Amino acid sequence: MIEKIEYLIIRHTDLMDMCSTCSKRMLKAAQEGNVDLADQESFNRERLVNIISKVQSAIEAEIKAVSLGEGAEYLVSMVKAWNNDLELWLESIGKLDQEILTALDEVKSKTTQEISSTFQNKEKIKGYNLSSVKK
């Protein structure tokens, strides 16, 4: 039983690392202004988060099912370390999310300025309707 919990915790930690990597790729894409790639990475990250949630639920179910006895001290220390890793990961993902939002907000501002500039230029050109000029 403890071996299964240990395997699930290792799997959970690996998935958290993959999610962090995906978040970093999403940040890089957002900073480069590649919104399509950032969007694709956000879908990938969402799938990873769903898998992480399922693995975490399995871990919690296994922990509830284990009987306290031999190996209980090892199990408690393993769960505490996993909980600590989980808290640190959540904190780092929160920081990455803030950076991603900032980068995407900058892309949004640039896009808004470009749209405004294009619209203004179109309106200026519209005023020069040469078909109505007398010859």
Protein backbone atom coordinates (compact mmCIF):
# COMPACT_ATOMS: atom_id res chain seq x y z
CA MET A 1 0.00 0.00 0.00
CA ILE A 2 2.79 2.42 0.92
CA GLU A 3 4.62 1.57 -2.32
CA LYS A 4 1.54 2.55 -4.31
CA ILE A 5 1.28 5.86 -2.45
CA GLU A 6 4.98 6.47 -3.03
CA TYR A 7 4.56 5.75 -6.77
CA LEU A 8 1.54 8.08 -7.00
CA ILE A 9 3.39 10.88 -5.18
CA ILE A 10 6.36 10.54 -7.55
CA ARG A 11 3.98 10.59 -10.52
CA HIS A 12 2.20 13.63 -9.07
CA THR A 13 5.49 15.47 -8.62
CA ASP A 14 6.53 14.66 -12.20
CA LEU A 15 3.23 16.02 -13.48
CA MET A 16 3.70 19.19 -11.43
CA ASP A 17 7.12 19.64 -13.06
CA MET A 18 5.57 19.18 -16.51
CA CYS A 19 2.93 21.77 -15.64
CA SER A 20 5.63 24.22 -14.54
CA THR A 21 7.49 23.69 -17.80
CA CYS A 22 4.29 24.25 -19.75
CA SER A 23 3.65 27.45 -17.79
CA LYS A 24 7.15 28.70 -18.58
CA ARG A 25 6.61 28.01 -22.29
CA MET A 26 3.31 29.88 -22.07
CA LEU A 27 5.07 32.85 -20.44
CA LYS A 28 7.77 32.89 -23.11
CA ALA A 29 5.15 32.80 -25.88
CA ALA A 30 3.20 35.62 -24.25
CA GLN A 31 6.34 37.74 -23.85
CA GLU A 32 7.14 37.20 -27.54
CA GLY A 33 3.60 38.20 -28.48
CA ASN A 34 2.74 34.75 -29.85
CA VAL A 35 -0.81 34.56 -28.53
CA ASP A 36 -1.70 31.42 -30.48
CA LEU A 37 1.16 29.45 -28.93
CA ALA A 38 0.32 30.81 -25.48
CA ASP A 39 -3.28 29.70 -25.99
CA GLN A 40 -2.18 26.22 -27.07
CA GLU A 41 0.08 25.92 -24.03
CA SER A 42 -2.79 27.01 -21.78
CA PHE A 43 -4.92 24.13 -23.14
CA ASN A 44 -2.03 21.72 -22.53
CA ARG A 45 -1.62 23.04 -19.01
CA GLU A 46 -5.34 22.69 -18.35
CA ARG A 47 -5.16 19.02 -19.33
CA LEU A 48 -2.16 18.52 -17.05
CA VAL A 49 -3.98 20.19 -14.17
CA ASN A 50 -6.93 17.82 -14.67
CA ILE A 51 -4.58 14.81 -14.57
CA ILE A 52 -2.83 16.22 -11.49
CA SER A 53 -6.18 16.56 -9.79
CA LYS A 54 -7.06 12.92 -10.51
CA VAL A 55 -3.71 11.67 -9.24
CA GLN A 56 -4.04 13.81 -6.13
CA SER A 57 -7.50 12.37 -5.46
CA ALA A 58 -6.07 8.85 -5.85
CA ILE A 59 -3.29 9.68 -3.38
CA GLU A 60 -5.78 11.03 -0.86
CA ALA A 61 -7.97 7.93 -1.24
CA GLU A 62 -4.97 5.64 -0.73
CA ILE A 63 -3.87 7.59 2.35
CA LYS A 64 -7.34 7.24 3.88
CA ALA A 65 -7.34 3.50 3.16
CA VAL A 66 -3.96 2.77 4.73
CA SER A 67 -3.93 1.29 8.21
CA LEU A 68 -1.57 2.82 10.71
CA GLY A 69 1.04 0.33 11.71
CA GLU A 70 4.31 -0.67 10.22
CA GLY A 71 5.71 2.08 8.01
CA ALA A 72 3.35 4.74 9.37
CA GLU A 73 6.22 7.03 10.34
CA TYR A 74 7.69 6.78 6.84
CA LEU A 75 4.29 7.44 5.30
CA VAL A 76 3.74 10.53 7.45
CA SER A 77 7.14 11.98 6.54
CA MET A 78 6.54 11.22 2.85
CA VAL A 79 3.13 12.92 2.91
CA LYS A 80 4.54 15.95 4.73
CA ALA A 81 7.32 16.32 2.15
CA TRP A 82 4.78 15.95 -0.67
CA ASN A 83 2.54 18.57 0.94
CA ASN A 84 5.50 20.95 1.23
CA ASP A 85 6.39 20.37 -2.44
CA LEU A 86 2.78 21.01 -3.39
CA GLU A 87 2.68 24.32 -1.52
CA LEU A 88 5.95 25.50 -3.11
CA TRP A 89 4.70 24.48 -6.56
CA LEU A 90 1.42 26.33 -6.10
CA GLU A 91 3.32 29.45 -5.06
CA SER A 92 5.63 29.29 -8.09
CA ILE A 93 2.70 28.65 -10.47
CA GLY A 94 0.92 31.66 -8.97
CA LYS A 95 3.94 33.85 -9.69
CA LEU A 96 4.19 32.51 -13.24
CA ASP A 97 0.50 33.17 -13.77
CA GLN A 98 0.95 36.80 -12.71
CA GLU A 99 3.84 37.19 -15.15
CA ILE A 100 1.78 35.58 -17.92
CA LEU A 101 -1.14 37.90 -17.25
CA THR A 102 1.17 40.93 -17.32
CA ALA A 103 2.71 39.82 -20.62
CA LEU A 104 -0.70 39.15 -22.17
CA ASP A 105 -1.94 42.52 -20.96
CA GLU A 106 1.00 44.17 -22.76
CA VAL A 107 0.13 42.27 -25.95
CA LYS A 108 -3.47 43.39 -25.56
CA SER A 109 -2.41 47.02 -25.20
CA LYS A 110 -0.18 46.85 -28.28
CA THR A 111 -2.96 45.22 -30.29
CA THR A 112 -5.45 47.86 -29.17
CA GLN A 113 -3.04 50.62 -30.21
CA GLU A 114 -2.49 48.99 -33.61
CA ILE A 115 -6.24 48.68 -34.19
CA SER A 116 -6.76 52.30 -33.17
CA SER A 117 -3.96 53.50 -35.43
CA THR A 118 -5.28 51.49 -38.38
CA PHE A 119 -8.80 52.81 -37.85
CA GLN A 120 -7.56 56.41 -37.66
CA ASN A 121 -5.54 55.99 -40.85
CA LYS A 122 -8.55 54.47 -42.59
CA GLU A 123 -10.69 57.43 -41.54
CA LYS A 124 -8.08 59.91 -42.80
CA ILE A 125 -7.87 58.18 -46.16
CA LYS A 126 -11.65 57.99 -46.36
CA GLY A 127 -11.75 61.80 -46.42
CA TYR A 128 -9.80 61.88 -49.67
CA ASN A 129 -12.45 60.51 -52.01
CA LEU A 130 -10.96 61.41 -55.38
CA SER A 131 -13.90 60.07 -57.38
CA SER A 132 -15.95 63.14 -56.49
CA VAL A 133 -13.32 65.62 -57.67
CA LYS A 134 -14.30 67.68 -60.76
CA LYS A 135 -12.07 67.30 -63.78
